[in-house]
Amino acid sequence: MGKIKRIDLKKVGSVTLFALREISNFLDKIVGPMTLSGMKRNQNFGWAPKRISDNLLSLDRRGYIIINPTADSIELTNKGRIKLIENSLDSKIDGKWRMLSWDIPEDSRVKRQQFCRSIRRVGYRQVQKSLWACPYSHADQVDLIISELRLGKYVAFLRVDKTDIESHLKRLFKMT
């Protein structure tokens, strides 16, 4: 039997993010759902099966994954994908700017606040009152946040190659 691999939580950030990344990586490599029993048996985590099981149940309760015991499967939800995007370690800059502009009505204030928190975590910064920008390629996935909060009719997403405020944006992101 192979050695148990120990995980340095300082590098990982949290058990939640580690588990979500492992599920996401696994799902990217295969077609179909991940098995619950396979996840519990996986020795690569370096944790006791009970701890893995408890963490999976916690992720399920919080809406990051869906566990289907009868089908023996685990599925990553949009909320789980959003959590991964918000905590992405990928900070590739490809020369394009992702820009968001929105006008979310006052009666949707809670959703507007959730949206603002999420896009800040992704890496967006406020350029003007109604304009936000981000240079990171993972920020393209902001559509998951928009659809999860059902804000599509209020939000405009633009990906631009060139803008007349590029020098301002570079200063804002300390890219000069």
N, C-alpha and C. Protein backbone atom coordinates (compact mmCIF):
# COMPACT_ATOMS: atom_id res chain seq x y z
N MET A 1 0.84 -1.18 0.00
CA MET A 1 0.00 0.00 0.00
C MET A 1 0.89 1.24 0.00
N GLY A 2 0.48 2.31 -0.71
CA GLY A 2 1.27 3.54 -0.81
C GLY A 2 1.25 4.35 0.46
N LYS A 3 2.17 5.30 0.50
CA LYS A 3 2.24 6.21 1.66
C LYS A 3 1.07 7.18 1.65
N ILE A 4 0.67 7.58 2.83
CA ILE A 4 -0.38 8.59 2.96
C ILE A 4 0.28 9.95 2.77
N LYS A 5 -0.29 10.74 1.88
CA LYS A 5 0.23 12.06 1.57
C LYS A 5 -0.35 13.07 2.56
N ARG A 6 0.50 13.82 3.24
CA ARG A 6 0.05 14.84 4.19
C ARG A 6 -0.14 16.16 3.46
N ILE A 7 -1.15 16.88 3.83
CA ILE A 7 -1.48 18.15 3.20
C ILE A 7 -1.13 19.28 4.15
N ASP A 8 -0.41 20.29 3.64
CA ASP A 8 -0.07 21.47 4.42
C ASP A 8 -1.23 22.46 4.27
N LEU A 9 -2.04 22.59 5.32
CA LEU A 9 -3.23 23.45 5.24
C LEU A 9 -2.88 24.92 5.07
N LYS A 10 -1.66 25.33 5.43
CA LYS A 10 -1.27 26.73 5.21
C LYS A 10 -1.20 27.03 3.72
N LYS A 11 -0.76 26.04 2.94
CA LYS A 11 -0.70 26.22 1.49
C LYS A 11 -2.07 26.07 0.85
N VAL A 12 -2.89 25.22 1.39
CA VAL A 12 -4.20 24.92 0.83
C VAL A 12 -5.21 26.01 1.15
N GLY A 13 -5.14 26.59 2.34
CA GLY A 13 -6.08 27.63 2.74
C GLY A 13 -7.11 27.13 3.71
N SER A 14 -7.84 26.10 3.34
CA SER A 14 -8.83 25.52 4.24
C SER A 14 -9.22 24.15 3.73
N VAL A 15 -9.78 23.36 4.63
CA VAL A 15 -10.23 22.03 4.27
C VAL A 15 -11.33 22.14 3.21
N THR A 16 -12.22 23.12 3.37
CA THR A 16 -13.31 23.32 2.41
C THR A 16 -12.77 23.54 1.01
N LEU A 17 -11.85 24.50 0.87
CA LEU A 17 -11.31 24.79 -0.46
C LEU A 17 -10.53 23.61 -1.01
N PHE A 18 -9.79 22.91 -0.16
CA PHE A 18 -9.05 21.75 -0.61
C PHE A 18 -10.00 20.69 -1.16
N ALA A 19 -11.05 20.38 -0.41
CA ALA A 19 -12.00 19.37 -0.85
C ALA A 19 -12.70 19.79 -2.14
N LEU A 20 -13.10 21.05 -2.24
CA LEU A 20 -13.75 21.53 -3.46
C LEU A 20 -12.80 21.46 -4.66
N ARG A 21 -11.51 21.83 -4.46
CA ARG A 21 -10.54 21.74 -5.56
C ARG A 21 -10.33 20.30 -5.99
N GLU A 22 -10.24 19.39 -5.03
CA GLU A 22 -10.05 17.97 -5.36
C GLU A 22 -11.25 17.44 -6.15
N ILE A 23 -12.44 17.79 -5.72
CA ILE A 23 -13.65 17.35 -6.43
C ILE A 23 -13.66 17.94 -7.83
N SER A 24 -13.37 19.24 -7.94
CA SER A 24 -13.36 19.89 -9.23
C SER A 24 -12.30 19.29 -10.15
N ASN A 25 -11.08 19.07 -9.64
CA ASN A 25 -10.01 18.47 -10.45
C ASN A 25 -10.40 17.08 -10.92
N PHE A 26 -10.99 16.32 -10.03
CA PHE A 26 -11.41 14.97 -10.37
C PHE A 26 -12.49 15.01 -11.46
N LEU A 27 -13.47 15.89 -11.30
CA LEU A 27 -14.55 15.98 -12.28
C LEU A 27 -14.04 16.47 -13.63
N ASP A 28 -13.00 17.32 -13.63
CA ASP A 28 -12.41 17.79 -14.88
C ASP A 28 -11.75 16.65 -15.64
N LYS A 29 -11.24 15.66 -14.92
CA LYS A 29 -10.49 14.56 -15.54
C LYS A 29 -11.38 13.42 -16.03
N ILE A 30 -12.58 13.29 -15.50
CA ILE A 30 -13.45 12.18 -15.89
C ILE A 30 -14.77 12.70 -16.41
N VAL A 31 -15.51 11.82 -17.00
CA VAL A 31 -16.87 12.17 -17.42
C VAL A 31 -17.81 11.46 -16.46
N GLY A 32 -18.71 12.19 -15.87
CA GLY A 32 -19.65 11.60 -14.93
C GLY A 32 -19.36 12.02 -13.52
N PRO A 33 -20.24 11.64 -12.60
CA PRO A 33 -20.11 12.08 -11.21
C PRO A 33 -19.01 11.32 -10.47
N MET A 34 -18.48 11.96 -9.45
CA MET A 34 -17.49 11.34 -8.58
C MET A 34 -18.24 10.44 -7.60
N THR A 35 -17.66 9.29 -7.27
CA THR A 35 -18.35 8.41 -6.33
C THR A 35 -18.06 8.81 -4.90
N LEU A 36 -19.08 8.73 -4.08
CA LEU A 36 -18.95 9.05 -2.66
C LEU A 36 -18.02 8.05 -1.98
N SER A 37 -18.20 6.78 -2.27
CA SER A 37 -17.36 5.77 -1.63
C SER A 37 -15.89 5.92 -2.06
N GLY A 38 -15.66 6.28 -3.31
CA GLY A 38 -14.29 6.49 -3.78
C GLY A 38 -13.64 7.68 -3.09
N MET A 39 -14.41 8.73 -2.86
CA MET A 39 -13.90 9.92 -2.18
C MET A 39 -13.53 9.58 -0.73
N LYS A 40 -14.36 8.79 -0.07
CA LYS A 40 -14.09 8.43 1.32
C LYS A 40 -12.87 7.51 1.43
N ARG A 41 -12.67 6.65 0.44
CA ARG A 41 -11.55 5.71 0.47
C ARG A 41 -10.23 6.33 0.05
N ASN A 42 -10.28 7.46 -0.65
CA ASN A 42 -9.08 8.06 -1.21
C ASN A 42 -8.08 8.40 -0.10
N GLN A 43 -6.92 7.80 -0.14
CA GLN A 43 -5.90 8.01 0.89
C GLN A 43 -5.02 9.22 0.59
N ASN A 44 -5.20 9.87 -0.55
CA ASN A 44 -4.37 11.03 -0.89
C ASN A 44 -4.62 12.22 0.02
N PHE A 45 -5.77 12.25 0.69
CA PHE A 45 -6.06 13.36 1.59
C PHE A 45 -5.19 13.33 2.84
N GLY A 46 -4.82 12.14 3.30
CA GLY A 46 -4.02 12.03 4.52
C GLY A 46 -4.85 12.24 5.78
N TRP A 47 -6.17 12.17 5.67
CA TRP A 47 -7.03 12.33 6.82
C TRP A 47 -7.79 11.04 7.06
N ALA A 48 -8.30 10.87 8.25
CA ALA A 48 -9.10 9.71 8.58
C ALA A 48 -10.40 9.73 7.77
N PRO A 49 -10.90 8.56 7.36
CA PRO A 49 -12.15 8.51 6.60
C PRO A 49 -13.31 9.23 7.29
N LYS A 50 -13.37 9.18 8.62
CA LYS A 50 -14.44 9.87 9.36
C LYS A 50 -14.35 11.38 9.13
N ARG A 51 -13.14 11.91 9.15
CA ARG A 51 -12.97 13.36 8.93
C ARG A 51 -13.38 13.74 7.51
N ILE A 52 -13.02 12.91 6.54
CA ILE A 52 -13.42 13.18 5.16
C ILE A 52 -14.94 13.15 5.05
N SER A 53 -15.55 12.13 5.64
CA SER A 53 -16.99 11.99 5.61
C SER A 53 -17.68 13.20 6.25
N ASP A 54 -17.18 13.63 7.41
CA ASP A 54 -17.76 14.79 8.10
C ASP A 54 -17.64 16.05 7.24
N ASN A 55 -16.48 16.24 6.60
CA ASN A 55 -16.29 17.42 5.75
C ASN A 55 -17.18 17.38 4.52
N LEU A 56 -17.34 16.21 3.93
CA LEU A 56 -18.23 16.09 2.78
C LEU A 56 -19.67 16.42 3.17
N LEU A 57 -20.11 15.92 4.32
CA LEU A 57 -21.46 16.22 4.78
C LEU A 57 -21.63 17.72 5.05
N SER A 58 -20.58 18.35 5.58
CA SER A 58 -20.61 19.79 5.82
C SER A 58 -20.72 20.56 4.50
N LEU A 59 -19.95 20.14 3.50
CA LEU A 59 -20.01 20.79 2.18
C LEU A 59 -21.40 20.62 1.57
N ASP A 60 -22.00 19.45 1.77
CA ASP A 60 -23.35 19.19 1.27
C ASP A 60 -24.36 20.10 1.98
N ARG A 61 -24.29 20.18 3.30
CA ARG A 61 -25.21 21.03 4.07
C ARG A 61 -25.11 22.49 3.66
N ARG A 62 -23.88 22.94 3.36
CA ARG A 62 -23.67 24.35 2.99
C ARG A 62 -23.95 24.63 1.52
N GLY A 63 -24.30 23.59 0.74
CA GLY A 63 -24.71 23.78 -0.64
C GLY A 63 -23.57 23.82 -1.65
N TYR A 64 -22.36 23.43 -1.26
CA TYR A 64 -21.23 23.44 -2.19
C TYR A 64 -21.19 22.19 -3.06
N ILE A 65 -21.71 21.09 -2.55
CA ILE A 65 -21.78 19.85 -3.30
C ILE A 65 -23.15 19.21 -3.06
N ILE A 66 -23.50 18.26 -3.90
CA ILE A 66 -24.71 17.47 -3.70
C ILE A 66 -24.25 16.02 -3.58
N ILE A 67 -24.58 15.41 -2.45
CA ILE A 67 -24.25 14.01 -2.24
C ILE A 67 -25.52 13.20 -2.48
N ASN A 68 -25.41 12.22 -3.36
CA ASN A 68 -26.53 11.32 -3.62
C ASN A 68 -26.10 9.92 -3.19
N PRO A 69 -26.42 9.52 -1.95
CA PRO A 69 -25.97 8.22 -1.44
C PRO A 69 -26.51 7.03 -2.24
N THR A 70 -27.73 7.14 -2.77
CA THR A 70 -28.29 6.01 -3.52
C THR A 70 -27.54 5.80 -4.83
N ALA A 71 -27.11 6.88 -5.47
CA ALA A 71 -26.34 6.77 -6.71
C ALA A 71 -24.83 6.72 -6.42
N ASP A 72 -24.45 6.85 -5.13
CA ASP A 72 -23.05 6.85 -4.71
C ASP A 72 -22.26 7.90 -5.50
N SER A 73 -22.81 9.15 -5.53
CA SER A 73 -22.15 10.19 -6.32
C SER A 73 -22.06 11.52 -5.56
N ILE A 74 -21.10 12.32 -6.01
CA ILE A 74 -20.91 13.68 -5.49
C ILE A 74 -20.88 14.60 -6.69
N GLU A 75 -21.61 15.71 -6.60
CA GLU A 75 -21.65 16.66 -7.69
C GLU A 75 -21.33 18.05 -7.15
N LEU A 76 -20.47 18.77 -7.83
CA LEU A 76 -20.12 20.13 -7.46
C LEU A 76 -21.25 21.06 -7.92
N THR A 77 -21.76 21.90 -7.03
CA THR A 77 -22.84 22.83 -7.38
C THR A 77 -22.25 24.13 -7.91
N ASN A 78 -23.11 24.99 -8.44
CA ASN A 78 -22.65 26.32 -8.88
C ASN A 78 -22.07 27.10 -7.70
N LYS A 79 -22.67 26.95 -6.53
CA LYS A 79 -22.16 27.64 -5.34
C LYS A 79 -20.73 27.16 -5.05
N GLY A 80 -20.47 25.86 -5.21
CA GLY A 80 -19.13 25.32 -5.02
C GLY A 80 -18.16 25.84 -6.06
N ARG A 81 -18.61 25.91 -7.31
CA ARG A 81 -17.76 26.45 -8.39
C ARG A 81 -17.43 27.93 -8.13
N ILE A 82 -18.43 28.67 -7.66
CA ILE A 82 -18.22 30.09 -7.35
C ILE A 82 -17.19 30.24 -6.23
N LYS A 83 -17.29 29.41 -5.21
CA LYS A 83 -16.32 29.44 -4.11
C LYS A 83 -14.90 29.22 -4.65
N LEU A 84 -14.76 28.29 -5.59
CA LEU A 84 -13.45 28.03 -6.19
C LEU A 84 -12.95 29.23 -7.01
N ILE A 85 -13.85 29.84 -7.76
CA ILE A 85 -13.47 31.02 -8.56
C ILE A 85 -13.05 32.16 -7.64
N GLU A 86 -13.82 32.38 -6.56
CA GLU A 86 -13.52 33.47 -5.62
C GLU A 86 -12.16 33.26 -4.94
N ASN A 87 -11.76 32.03 -4.77
CA ASN A 87 -10.51 31.72 -4.08
C ASN A 87 -9.46 31.16 -5.03
N SER A 88 -9.59 31.48 -6.29
CA SER A 88 -8.67 30.96 -7.30
C SER A 88 -7.25 31.44 -7.04
N LEU A 89 -6.32 30.51 -7.19
CA LEU A 89 -4.90 30.85 -7.07
C LEU A 89 -4.33 31.24 -8.42
N ASP A 90 -5.14 31.10 -9.46
CA ASP A 90 -4.72 31.40 -10.82
C ASP A 90 -4.84 32.91 -11.06
N SER A 91 -3.71 33.56 -11.23
CA SER A 91 -3.75 35.01 -11.48
C SER A 91 -3.08 35.33 -12.82
N LYS A 92 -3.43 34.54 -13.85
CA LYS A 92 -2.90 34.78 -15.19
C LYS A 92 -3.51 36.05 -15.76
N ILE A 93 -2.65 36.85 -16.35
CA ILE A 93 -3.09 38.07 -17.02
C ILE A 93 -2.82 37.86 -18.50
N ASP A 94 -3.87 37.95 -19.32
CA ASP A 94 -3.73 37.66 -20.75
C ASP A 94 -3.84 38.90 -21.65
N GLY A 95 -3.78 40.09 -21.07
CA GLY A 95 -3.84 41.31 -21.87
C GLY A 95 -5.25 41.81 -22.15
N LYS A 96 -6.25 41.09 -21.69
CA LYS A 96 -7.64 41.52 -21.87
C LYS A 96 -8.18 42.02 -20.53
N TRP A 97 -9.10 42.94 -20.61
CA TRP A 97 -9.75 43.46 -19.41
C TRP A 97 -11.17 42.92 -19.36
N ARG A 98 -11.57 42.42 -18.22
CA ARG A 98 -12.95 42.01 -17.99
C ARG A 98 -13.62 43.15 -17.26
N MET A 99 -14.72 43.63 -17.81
CA MET A 99 -15.40 44.78 -17.22
C MET A 99 -16.86 44.44 -16.94
N LEU A 100 -17.32 44.93 -15.83
CA LEU A 100 -18.70 44.74 -15.42
C LEU A 100 -19.34 46.10 -15.16
N SER A 101 -20.55 46.23 -15.61
CA SER A 101 -21.34 47.41 -15.30
C SER A 101 -22.72 46.89 -14.94
N TRP A 102 -23.33 47.46 -13.92
CA TRP A 102 -24.64 46.97 -13.53
C TRP A 102 -25.49 48.07 -12.94
N ASP A 103 -26.77 47.80 -12.98
CA ASP A 103 -27.77 48.67 -12.37
C ASP A 103 -28.80 47.73 -11.73
N ILE A 104 -28.49 47.30 -10.52
CA ILE A 104 -29.34 46.35 -9.80
C ILE A 104 -30.29 47.16 -8.93
N PRO A 105 -31.60 46.93 -9.08
CA PRO A 105 -32.59 47.74 -8.36
C PRO A 105 -32.46 47.64 -6.83
N GLU A 106 -32.96 48.64 -6.18
CA GLU A 106 -32.90 48.74 -4.72
C GLU A 106 -33.62 47.58 -4.04
N ASP A 107 -34.69 47.07 -4.65
CA ASP A 107 -35.41 45.96 -4.01
C ASP A 107 -34.61 44.65 -4.06
N SER A 108 -33.49 44.64 -4.76
CA SER A 108 -32.58 43.48 -4.79
C SER A 108 -31.26 43.82 -4.11
N ARG A 109 -31.33 44.64 -3.09
CA ARG A 109 -30.13 45.12 -2.39
C ARG A 109 -29.26 43.98 -1.86
N VAL A 110 -29.87 42.95 -1.28
CA VAL A 110 -29.11 41.83 -0.71
C VAL A 110 -28.32 41.12 -1.81
N LYS A 111 -28.98 40.87 -2.96
CA LYS A 111 -28.28 40.24 -4.08
C LYS A 111 -27.16 41.14 -4.60
N ARG A 112 -27.40 42.44 -4.63
CA ARG A 112 -26.38 43.39 -5.09
C ARG A 112 -25.16 43.33 -4.17
N GLN A 113 -25.39 43.27 -2.86
CA GLN A 113 -24.29 43.19 -1.90
C GLN A 113 -23.53 41.86 -2.04
N GLN A 114 -24.27 40.76 -2.23
CA GLN A 114 -23.63 39.46 -2.46
C GLN A 114 -22.78 39.50 -3.72
N PHE A 115 -23.32 40.10 -4.76
CA PHE A 115 -22.62 40.21 -6.04
C PHE A 115 -21.33 41.00 -5.87
N CYS A 116 -21.41 42.13 -5.19
CA CYS A 116 -20.22 42.97 -4.95
C CYS A 116 -19.16 42.19 -4.18
N ARG A 117 -19.56 41.50 -3.12
CA ARG A 117 -18.59 40.71 -2.34
C ARG A 117 -17.93 39.65 -3.21
N SER A 118 -18.72 38.96 -4.01
CA SER A 118 -18.19 37.89 -4.85
C SER A 118 -17.21 38.40 -5.89
N ILE A 119 -17.59 39.47 -6.58
CA ILE A 119 -16.67 39.94 -7.64
C ILE A 119 -15.39 40.54 -7.06
N ARG A 120 -15.48 41.11 -5.86
CA ARG A 120 -14.25 41.58 -5.19
C ARG A 120 -13.32 40.40 -4.91
N ARG A 121 -13.91 39.29 -4.44
CA ARG A 121 -13.10 38.10 -4.15
C ARG A 121 -12.47 37.53 -5.41
N VAL A 122 -13.17 37.66 -6.54
CA VAL A 122 -12.63 37.18 -7.82
C VAL A 122 -11.45 38.04 -8.25
N GLY A 123 -11.47 39.31 -7.87
CA GLY A 123 -10.37 40.20 -8.24
C GLY A 123 -10.80 41.48 -8.93
N TYR A 124 -12.09 41.69 -9.08
CA TYR A 124 -12.59 42.92 -9.71
C TYR A 124 -12.37 44.09 -8.76
N ARG A 125 -12.08 45.25 -9.37
CA ARG A 125 -11.94 46.49 -8.61
C ARG A 125 -12.81 47.56 -9.25
N GLN A 126 -13.28 48.46 -8.39
CA GLN A 126 -14.14 49.53 -8.87
C GLN A 126 -13.31 50.59 -9.58
N VAL A 127 -13.70 50.88 -10.83
CA VAL A 127 -13.02 51.90 -11.63
C VAL A 127 -13.78 53.21 -11.52
N GLN A 128 -15.07 53.13 -11.67
CA GLN A 128 -15.98 54.26 -11.50
C GLN A 128 -17.19 53.72 -10.75
N LYS A 129 -18.12 54.59 -10.42
CA LYS A 129 -19.27 54.15 -9.63
C LYS A 129 -19.97 52.94 -10.24
N SER A 130 -20.13 52.91 -11.54
CA SER A 130 -20.86 51.81 -12.16
C SER A 130 -19.99 50.93 -13.06
N LEU A 131 -18.67 51.02 -12.91
CA LEU A 131 -17.78 50.23 -13.75
C LEU A 131 -16.72 49.53 -12.91
N TRP A 132 -16.59 48.23 -13.09
CA TRP A 132 -15.62 47.41 -12.38
C TRP A 132 -14.77 46.69 -13.42
N ALA A 133 -13.50 46.44 -13.10
CA ALA A 133 -12.61 45.79 -14.05
C ALA A 133 -11.72 44.77 -13.36
N CYS A 134 -11.23 43.81 -14.17
CA CYS A 134 -10.33 42.78 -13.67
C CYS A 134 -9.45 42.29 -14.83
N PRO A 135 -8.14 42.12 -14.62
CA PRO A 135 -7.27 41.64 -15.70
C PRO A 135 -7.08 40.13 -15.72
N TYR A 136 -7.57 39.41 -14.71
CA TYR A 136 -7.28 37.98 -14.57
C TYR A 136 -8.20 37.13 -15.44
N SER A 137 -7.62 36.14 -16.10
CA SER A 137 -8.40 35.30 -17.01
C SER A 137 -9.49 34.49 -16.29
N HIS A 138 -9.27 34.12 -15.04
CA HIS A 138 -10.31 33.35 -14.33
C HIS A 138 -11.56 34.20 -14.08
N ALA A 139 -11.46 35.51 -14.22
CA ALA A 139 -12.61 36.40 -14.00
C ALA A 139 -13.66 36.26 -15.10
N ASP A 140 -13.30 35.56 -16.20
CA ASP A 140 -14.30 35.30 -17.24
C ASP A 140 -15.45 34.47 -16.71
N GLN A 141 -15.23 33.74 -15.65
CA GLN A 141 -16.25 32.84 -15.12
C GLN A 141 -17.26 33.56 -14.23
N VAL A 142 -17.26 34.87 -14.26
CA VAL A 142 -18.19 35.66 -13.47
C VAL A 142 -19.64 35.37 -13.85
N ASP A 143 -19.86 34.81 -15.02
CA ASP A 143 -21.22 34.48 -15.44
C ASP A 143 -21.89 33.48 -14.50
N LEU A 144 -21.10 32.63 -13.85
CA LEU A 144 -21.66 31.71 -12.85
C LEU A 144 -22.29 32.48 -11.69
N ILE A 145 -21.60 33.52 -11.24
CA ILE A 145 -22.10 34.35 -10.14
C ILE A 145 -23.37 35.08 -10.58
N ILE A 146 -23.32 35.63 -11.78
CA ILE A 146 -24.48 36.37 -12.31
C ILE A 146 -25.69 35.45 -12.42
N SER A 147 -25.49 34.25 -12.96
CA SER A 147 -26.64 33.34 -13.13
C SER A 147 -27.12 32.79 -11.78
N GLU A 148 -26.20 32.48 -10.87
CA GLU A 148 -26.60 31.95 -9.56
C GLU A 148 -27.45 32.96 -8.79
N LEU A 149 -27.11 34.24 -8.90
CA LEU A 149 -27.88 35.29 -8.21
C LEU A 149 -29.05 35.80 -9.05
N ARG A 150 -29.19 35.27 -10.26
CA ARG A 150 -30.26 35.66 -11.20
C ARG A 150 -30.26 37.16 -11.46
N LEU A 151 -29.09 37.66 -11.85
CA LEU A 151 -28.95 39.10 -12.09
C LEU A 151 -28.64 39.42 -13.56
N GLY A 152 -28.82 38.46 -14.45
CA GLY A 152 -28.46 38.62 -15.85
C GLY A 152 -29.04 39.84 -16.53
N LYS A 153 -30.26 40.20 -16.20
CA LYS A 153 -30.88 41.34 -16.89
C LYS A 153 -30.38 42.69 -16.36
N TYR A 154 -29.59 42.66 -15.27
CA TYR A 154 -29.10 43.91 -14.69
C TYR A 154 -27.60 44.14 -14.90
N VAL A 155 -26.89 43.10 -15.36
CA VAL A 155 -25.43 43.16 -15.42
C VAL A 155 -24.94 43.04 -16.85
N ALA A 156 -23.99 43.90 -17.23
CA ALA A 156 -23.33 43.81 -18.53
C ALA A 156 -21.88 43.39 -18.29
N PHE A 157 -21.44 42.34 -19.01
CA PHE A 157 -20.07 41.84 -18.92
C PHE A 157 -19.38 42.10 -20.25
N LEU A 158 -18.20 42.71 -20.19
CA LEU A 158 -17.44 43.01 -21.41
C LEU A 158 -16.02 42.47 -21.26
N ARG A 159 -15.48 41.93 -22.33
CA ARG A 159 -14.07 41.54 -22.37
C ARG A 159 -13.44 42.38 -23.48
N VAL A 160 -12.52 43.25 -23.10
CA VAL A 160 -11.97 44.19 -24.07
C VAL A 160 -10.46 44.03 -24.21
N ASP A 161 -9.98 44.24 -25.45
CA ASP A 161 -8.55 44.15 -25.74
C ASP A 161 -7.87 45.50 -25.53
N LYS A 162 -8.62 46.56 -25.76
CA LYS A 162 -8.03 47.89 -25.74
C LYS A 162 -9.01 48.87 -25.13
N THR A 163 -8.50 49.78 -24.32
CA THR A 163 -9.34 50.80 -23.72
C THR A 163 -8.54 52.08 -23.53
N ASP A 164 -9.20 53.20 -23.53
CA ASP A 164 -8.49 54.47 -23.34
C ASP A 164 -8.18 54.75 -21.87
N ILE A 165 -8.62 53.88 -20.98
CA ILE A 165 -8.28 54.06 -19.55
C ILE A 165 -7.30 52.98 -19.07
N GLU A 166 -6.57 52.38 -20.01
CA GLU A 166 -5.65 51.30 -19.67
C GLU A 166 -4.59 51.73 -18.65
N SER A 167 -4.04 52.91 -18.78
CA SER A 167 -3.01 53.36 -17.83
C SER A 167 -3.61 53.48 -16.42
N HIS A 168 -4.84 53.97 -16.34
CA HIS A 168 -5.52 54.06 -15.04
C HIS A 168 -5.76 52.66 -14.46
N LEU A 169 -6.19 51.73 -15.30
CA LEU A 169 -6.44 50.36 -14.85
C LEU A 169 -5.14 49.70 -14.36
N LYS A 170 -4.06 49.91 -15.09
CA LYS A 170 -2.79 49.31 -14.69
C LYS A 170 -2.31 49.87 -13.34
N ARG A 171 -2.54 51.16 -13.11
CA ARG A 171 -2.20 51.74 -11.80
C ARG A 171 -3.08 51.14 -10.71
N LEU A 172 -4.36 50.98 -11.02
CA LEU A 172 -5.32 50.42 -10.06
C LEU A 172 -4.91 49.02 -9.63
N PHE A 173 -4.38 48.23 -10.57
CA PHE A 173 -3.97 46.86 -10.27
C PHE A 173 -2.47 46.75 -10.05
N LYS A 174 -1.81 47.90 -9.90
CA LYS A 174 -0.35 47.95 -9.63
C LYS A 174 0.43 47.11 -10.64
N MET A 175 0.12 47.35 -11.92
CA MET A 175 0.75 46.60 -13.01
C MET A 175 1.79 47.46 -13.76
N THR A 176 2.05 48.66 -13.31
CA THR A 176 2.97 49.54 -14.04
C THR A 176 4.42 49.27 -13.72
